[in-house]
PDB file of N, CA and C in Angstrom:
ATOM      1  N   MET A   1     -14.319   0.871  27.513  1.00  0.00           N
ATOM      2  CA  MET A   1     -13.599  -0.358  27.252  1.00  0.00           C
ATOM      3  C   MET A   1     -12.730  -0.174  26.009  1.00  0.00           C
ATOM      4  N   PRO A   2     -11.421  -0.441  26.102  1.00  0.00           N
ATOM      5  CA  PRO A   2     -10.539  -0.243  24.945  1.00  0.00           C
ATOM      6  C   PRO A   2     -10.869  -1.231  23.833  1.00  0.00           C
ATOM      7  N   PRO A   3     -10.573  -0.838  22.584  1.00  0.00           N
ATOM      8  CA  PRO A   3     -10.861  -1.741  21.469  1.00  0.00           C
ATOM      9  C   PRO A   3     -10.045  -3.027  21.563  1.00  0.00           C
ATOM     10  N   LYS A   4     -10.607  -4.100  21.045  1.00  0.00           N
ATOM     11  CA  LYS A   4      -9.947  -5.395  21.052  1.00  0.00           C
ATOM     12  C   LYS A   4      -8.777  -5.366  20.067  1.00  0.00           C
ATOM     13  N   PRO A   5      -7.597  -5.878  20.473  1.00  0.00           N
ATOM     14  CA  PRO A   5      -6.462  -5.903  19.541  1.00  0.00           C
ATOM     15  C   PRO A   5      -6.776  -6.769  18.324  1.00  0.00           C
ATOM     16  N   LEU A   6      -6.241  -6.393  17.188  1.00  0.00           N
ATOM     17  CA  LEU A   6      -6.460  -7.117  15.945  1.00  0.00           C
ATOM     18  C   LEU A   6      -5.258  -7.988  15.615  1.00  0.00           C
ATOM     19  N   LYS A   7      -5.502  -9.191  15.172  1.00  0.00           N
ATOM     20  CA  LYS A   7      -4.422 -10.103  14.790  1.00  0.00           C
ATOM     21  C   LYS A   7      -3.994  -9.819  13.356  1.00  0.00           C
ATOM     22  N   PRO A   8      -2.729 -10.111  13.023  1.00  0.00           N
ATOM     23  CA  PRO A   8      -2.293  -9.980  11.635  1.00  0.00           C
ATOM     24  C   PRO A   8      -3.194 -10.827  10.733  1.00  0.00           C
ATOM     25  N   GLY A   9      -3.569 -10.283   9.593  1.00  0.00           N
ATOM     26  CA  GLY A   9      -4.444 -10.988   8.666  1.00  0.00           C
ATOM     27  C   GLY A   9      -5.914 -10.632   8.846  1.00  0.00           C
ATOM     28  N   ASN A  10      -6.273 -10.023   9.999  1.00  0.00           N
ATOM     29  CA  ASN A  10      -7.651  -9.544  10.185  1.00  0.00           C
ATOM     30  C   ASN A  10      -7.873  -8.339   9.285  1.00  0.00           C
ATOM     31  N   LYS A  11      -9.112  -8.115   8.892  1.00  0.00           N
ATOM     32  CA  LYS A  11      -9.432  -6.930   8.108  1.00  0.00           C
ATOM     33  C   LYS A  11      -9.503  -5.719   9.031  1.00  0.00           C
ATOM     34  N   ALA A  12      -8.947  -4.607   8.572  1.00  0.00           N
ATOM     35  CA  ALA A  12      -8.960  -3.366   9.347  1.00  0.00           C
ATOM     36  C   ALA A  12     -10.378  -2.804   9.375  1.00  0.00           C
ATOM     37  N   PRO A  13     -10.938  -2.550  10.565  1.00  0.00           N
ATOM     38  CA  PRO A  13     -12.283  -2.003  10.637  1.00  0.00           C
ATOM     39  C   PRO A  13     -12.351  -0.515  10.251  1.00  0.00           C
ATOM     40  N   HIS A  14     -11.222   0.190  10.348  1.00  0.00           N
ATOM     41  CA  HIS A  14     -11.138   1.615  10.008  1.00  0.00           C
ATOM     42  C   HIS A  14      -9.790   1.874   9.357  1.00  0.00           C
ATOM     43  N   SER A  15      -9.717   2.863   8.475  1.00  0.00           N
ATOM     44  CA  SER A  15      -8.442   3.268   7.897  1.00  0.00           C
ATOM     45  C   SER A  15      -7.674   4.104   8.912  1.00  0.00           C
ATOM     46  N   GLY A  16      -6.351   3.958   8.912  1.00  0.00           N
ATOM     47  CA  GLY A  16      -5.525   4.754   9.808  1.00  0.00           C
ATOM     48  C   GLY A  16      -4.231   4.057  10.152  1.00  0.00           C
ATOM     49  N   GLN A  17      -3.546   4.598  11.162  1.00  0.00           N
ATOM     50  CA  GLN A  17      -2.275   4.042  11.623  1.00  0.00           C
ATOM     51  C   GLN A  17      -2.542   3.034  12.746  1.00  0.00           C
ATOM     52  N   TYR A  18      -1.966   1.851  12.597  1.00  0.00           N
ATOM     53  CA  TYR A  18      -2.085   0.792  13.587  1.00  0.00           C
ATOM     54  C   TYR A  18      -0.717   0.530  14.193  1.00  0.00           C
ATOM     55  N   GLU A  19      -0.653   0.516  15.514  1.00  0.00           N
ATOM     56  CA  GLU A  19       0.607   0.238  16.203  1.00  0.00           C
ATOM     57  C   GLU A  19       0.703  -1.246  16.518  1.00  0.00           C
ATOM     58  N   LYS A  20       1.911  -1.794  16.349  1.00  0.00           N
ATOM     59  CA  LYS A  20       2.154  -3.190  16.729  1.00  0.00           C
ATOM     60  C   LYS A  20       2.232  -3.268  18.253  1.00  0.00           C
ATOM     61  N   ILE A  21       1.548  -4.257  18.811  1.00  0.00           N
ATOM     62  CA  ILE A  21       1.545  -4.496  20.251  1.00  0.00           C
ATOM     63  C   ILE A  21       2.253  -5.827  20.484  1.00  0.00           C
ATOM     64  N   GLY A  22       3.219  -5.831  21.394  1.00  0.00           N
ATOM     65  CA  GLY A  22       3.991  -7.033  21.666  1.00  0.00           C
ATOM     66  C   GLY A  22       3.161  -8.143  22.288  1.00  0.00           C
ATOM     67  N   PRO A  23       3.700  -9.365  22.323  1.00  0.00           N
ATOM     68  CA  PRO A  23       2.970 -10.510  22.863  1.00  0.00           C
ATOM     69  C   PRO A  23       2.527 -10.336  24.314  1.00  0.00           C
ATOM     70  N   ARG A  24       3.238  -9.523  25.073  1.00  0.00           N
ATOM     71  CA  ARG A  24       2.876  -9.286  26.479  1.00  0.00           C
ATOM     72  C   ARG A  24       2.084  -8.000  26.669  1.00  0.00           C
ATOM     73  N   GLY A  25       1.702  -7.364  25.575  1.00  0.00           N
ATOM     74  CA  GLY A  25       0.864  -6.174  25.653  1.00  0.00           C
ATOM     75  C   GLY A  25       1.602  -4.855  25.592  1.00  0.00           C
ATOM     76  N   GLY A  26       2.906  -4.880  25.470  1.00  0.00           N
ATOM     77  CA  GLY A  26       3.679  -3.637  25.409  1.00  0.00           C
ATOM     78  C   GLY A  26       3.644  -3.004  24.031  1.00  0.00           C
ATOM     79  N   HIS A  27       3.653  -1.673  24.014  1.00  0.00           N
ATOM     80  CA  HIS A  27       3.663  -0.940  22.754  1.00  0.00           C
ATOM     81  C   HIS A  27       5.065  -0.971  22.158  1.00  0.00           C
ATOM     82  N   THR A  28       5.156  -1.240  20.857  1.00  0.00           N
ATOM     83  CA  THR A  28       6.458  -1.351  20.198  1.00  0.00           C
ATOM     84  C   THR A  28       6.915  -0.027  19.588  1.00  0.00           C
ATOM     85  N   GLY A  29       5.981   0.874  19.321  1.00  0.00           N
ATOM     86  CA  GLY A  29       6.325   2.126  18.655  1.00  0.00           C
ATOM     87  C   GLY A  29       6.337   2.000  17.147  1.00  0.00           C
ATOM     88  N   GLU A  30       6.192   0.784  16.629  1.00  0.00           N
ATOM     89  CA  GLU A  30       6.159   0.559  15.184  1.00  0.00           C
ATOM     90  C   GLU A  30       4.719   0.689  14.701  1.00  0.00           C
ATOM     91  N   GLU A  31       4.530   1.437  13.616  1.00  0.00           N
ATOM     92  CA  GLU A  31       3.186   1.627  13.071  1.00  0.00           C
ATOM     93  C   GLU A  31       3.129   1.191  11.611  1.00  0.00           C
ATOM     94  N   VAL A  32       1.940   0.743  11.215  1.00  0.00           N
ATOM     95  CA  VAL A  32       1.672   0.403   9.827  1.00  0.00           C
ATOM     96  C   VAL A  32       0.377   1.111   9.426  1.00  0.00           C
ATOM     97  N   THR A  33       0.212   1.345   8.138  1.00  0.00           N
ATOM     98  CA  THR A  33      -1.014   1.950   7.644  1.00  0.00           C
ATOM     99  C   THR A  33      -1.994   0.851   7.289  1.00  0.00           C
ATOM    100  N   GLY A  34      -3.182   0.934   7.866  1.00  0.00           N
ATOM    101  CA  GLY A  34      -4.242  -0.020   7.560  1.00  0.00           C
ATOM    102  C   GLY A  34      -5.339   0.661   6.771  1.00  0.00           C
ATOM    103  N   VAL A  35      -5.888  -0.042   5.779  1.00  0.00           N
ATOM    104  CA  VAL A  35      -6.969   0.483   4.952  1.00  0.00           C
ATOM    105  C   VAL A  35      -8.238  -0.298   5.281  1.00  0.00           C
ATOM    106  N   LYS A  36      -9.311   0.411   5.531  1.00  0.00           N
ATOM    107  CA  LYS A  36     -10.578  -0.215   5.910  1.00  0.00           C
ATOM    108  C   LYS A  36     -10.939  -1.334   4.930  1.00  0.00           C
ATOM    109  N   GLY A  37     -11.205  -2.513   5.488  1.00  0.00           N
ATOM    110  CA  GLY A  37     -11.613  -3.651   4.676  1.00  0.00           C
ATOM    111  C   GLY A  37     -10.477  -4.491   4.117  1.00  0.00           C
ATOM    112  N   ARG A  38      -9.238  -4.031   4.270  1.00  0.00           N
ATOM    113  CA  ARG A  38      -8.079  -4.797   3.784  1.00  0.00           C
ATOM    114  C   ARG A  38      -7.368  -5.456   4.951  1.00  0.00           C
ATOM    115  N   LYS A  39      -6.706  -6.562   4.673  1.00  0.00           N
ATOM    116  CA  LYS A  39      -6.027  -7.318   5.727  1.00  0.00           C
ATOM    117  C   LYS A  39      -4.805  -6.572   6.262  1.00  0.00           C
ATOM    118  N   LEU A  40      -4.605  -6.683   7.579  1.00  0.00           N
ATOM    119  CA  LEU A  40      -3.407  -6.118   8.194  1.00  0.00           C
ATOM    120  C   LEU A  40      -2.223  -7.024   7.858  1.00  0.00           C
ATOM    121  N   PRO A  41      -1.018  -6.455   7.720  1.00  0.00           N
ATOM    122  CA  PRO A  41       0.135  -7.251   7.312  1.00  0.00           C
ATOM    123  C   PRO A  41       0.602  -8.235   8.385  1.00  0.00           C
ATOM    124  N   PRO A  42       1.392  -9.234   7.979  1.00  0.00           N
ATOM    125  CA  PRO A  42       1.963 -10.160   8.972  1.00  0.00           C
ATOM    126  C   PRO A  42       2.854  -9.399   9.942  1.00  0.00           C
ATOM    127  N   SER A  43       2.959  -9.889  11.160  1.00  0.00           N
ATOM    128  CA  SER A  43       3.826  -9.245  12.148  1.00  0.00           C
ATOM    129  C   SER A  43       5.227  -9.824  12.055  1.00  0.00           C
ATOM    130  N   SER A  44       6.183  -9.098  12.604  1.00  0.00           N
ATOM    131  CA  SER A  44       7.578  -9.530  12.532  1.00  0.00           C
ATOM    132  C   SER A  44       7.918 -10.570  13.596  1.00  0.00           C
ATOM    133  N   LYS A  45       7.091 -10.666  14.650  1.00  0.00           N
ATOM    134  CA  LYS A  45       7.339 -11.630  15.724  1.00  0.00           C
ATOM    135  C   LYS A  45       6.045 -12.348  16.073  1.00  0.00           C
ATOM    136  N   PRO A  46       6.109 -13.596  16.516  1.00  0.00           N
ATOM    137  CA  PRO A  46       4.887 -14.319  16.898  1.00  0.00           C
ATOM    138  C   PRO A  46       4.183 -13.643  18.071  1.00  0.00           C
ATOM    139  N   GLY A  47       2.862 -13.667  18.048  1.00  0.00           N
ATOM    140  CA  GLY A  47       2.079 -13.145  19.161  1.00  0.00           C
ATOM    141  C   GLY A  47       1.793 -11.656  19.119  1.00  0.00           C
ATOM    142  N   GLN A  48       2.323 -10.940  18.125  1.00  0.00           N
ATOM    143  CA  GLN A  48       2.051  -9.505  18.043  1.00  0.00           C
ATOM    144  C   GLN A  48       0.645  -9.266  17.502  1.00  0.00           C
ATOM    145  N   THR A  49       0.050  -8.162  17.924  1.00  0.00           N
ATOM    146  CA  THR A  49      -1.264  -7.746  17.434  1.00  0.00           C
ATOM    147  C   THR A  49      -1.176  -6.282  17.012  1.00  0.00           C
ATOM    148  N   TYR A  50      -2.290  -5.744  16.544  1.00  0.00           N
ATOM    149  CA  TYR A  50      -2.351  -4.349  16.114  1.00  0.00           C
ATOM    150  C   TYR A  50      -3.451  -3.613  16.867  1.00  0.00           C
ATOM    151  N   GLU A  51      -3.218  -2.313  17.085  1.00  0.00           N
ATOM    152  CA  GLU A  51      -4.199  -1.456  17.743  1.00  0.00           C
ATOM    153  C   GLU A  51      -4.258  -0.134  16.980  1.00  0.00           C
ATOM    154  N   LEU A  52      -5.464   0.322  16.664  1.00  0.00           N
ATOM    155  CA  LEU A  52      -5.638   1.594  15.957  1.00  0.00           C
ATOM    156  C   LEU A  52      -5.222   2.742  16.875  1.00  0.00           C
ATOM    157  N   VAL A  53      -4.254   3.545  16.435  1.00  0.00           N
ATOM    158  CA  VAL A  53      -3.779   4.661  17.254  1.00  0.00           C
ATOM    159  C   VAL A  53      -4.074   6.027  16.627  1.00  0.00           C
ATOM    160  N   ASP A  54      -4.257   6.080  15.294  1.00  0.00           N
ATOM    161  CA  ASP A  54      -4.516   7.350  14.627  1.00  0.00           C
ATOM    162  C   ASP A  54      -5.442   7.110  13.442  1.00  0.00           C
ATOM    163  N   PRO A  55      -6.774   7.232  13.662  1.00  0.00           N
ATOM    164  CA  PRO A  55      -7.697   7.010  12.565  1.00  0.00           C
ATOM    165  C   PRO A  55      -7.566   8.075  11.485  1.00  0.00           C
ATOM    166  N   THR A  56      -7.861   7.685  10.243  1.00  0.00           N
ATOM    167  CA  THR A  56      -7.851   8.626   9.135  1.00  0.00           C
ATOM    168  C   THR A  56      -8.938   9.663   9.369  1.00  0.00           C
ATOM    169  N   LYS A  57      -8.646  10.920   9.033  1.00  0.00           N
ATOM    170  CA  LYS A  57      -9.566  11.999   9.341  1.00  0.00           C
ATOM    171  C   LYS A  57     -10.357  12.493   8.133  1.00  0.00           C
ATOM    172  N   ASN A  58     -10.315  11.788   7.002  1.00  0.00           N
ATOM    173  CA  ASN A  58     -11.115  12.204   5.855  1.00  0.00           C
ATOM    174  C   ASN A  58     -12.354  11.322   5.733  1.00  0.00           C
ATOM    175  N   GLY A  59     -13.238  11.650   4.845  1.00  0.00           N
ATOM    176  CA  GLY A  59     -14.487  10.924   4.684  1.00  0.00           C
ATOM    177  C   GLY A  59     -14.299   9.475   4.311  1.00  0.00           C
ATOM    178  N   ALA A  60     -13.218   9.132   3.602  1.00  0.00           N
ATOM    179  CA  ALA A  60     -12.994   7.756   3.173  1.00  0.00           C
ATOM    180  C   ALA A  60     -12.715   6.840   4.355  1.00  0.00           C
ATOM    181  N   GLY A  61     -12.193   7.385   5.442  1.00  0.00           N
ATOM    182  CA  GLY A  61     -11.852   6.560   6.592  1.00  0.00           C
ATOM    183  C   GLY A  61     -12.971   6.381   7.591  1.00  0.00           C
ATOM    184  N   ARG A  62     -14.063   7.052   7.360  1.00  0.00           N
ATOM    185  CA  ARG A  62     -15.178   6.931   8.315  1.00  0.00           C
ATOM    186  C   ARG A  62     -16.053   5.758   7.960  1.00  0.00           C
ATOM    187  N   GLY A  63     -16.570   5.124   8.953  1.00  0.00           N
ATOM    188  CA  GLY A  63     -17.418   3.985   8.651  1.00  0.00           C
ATOM    189  C   GLY A  63     -18.161   3.593   9.792  1.00  0.00           C
TER     190      GLY A  63
END
């Protein structure tokens, strides 16, 4: 089962690159860096969410 998309303002469960997902579920190709425990930034359009696409590979990103 794929991970649940995260809304802007939710805390990132893992550090890494998060891709913006459009309101209809399409991938935008835009990525932001999320830090574990910190809020994800606001999206540029209503209804967008985030999906972890490239987790950090060092010890700090594991959890």
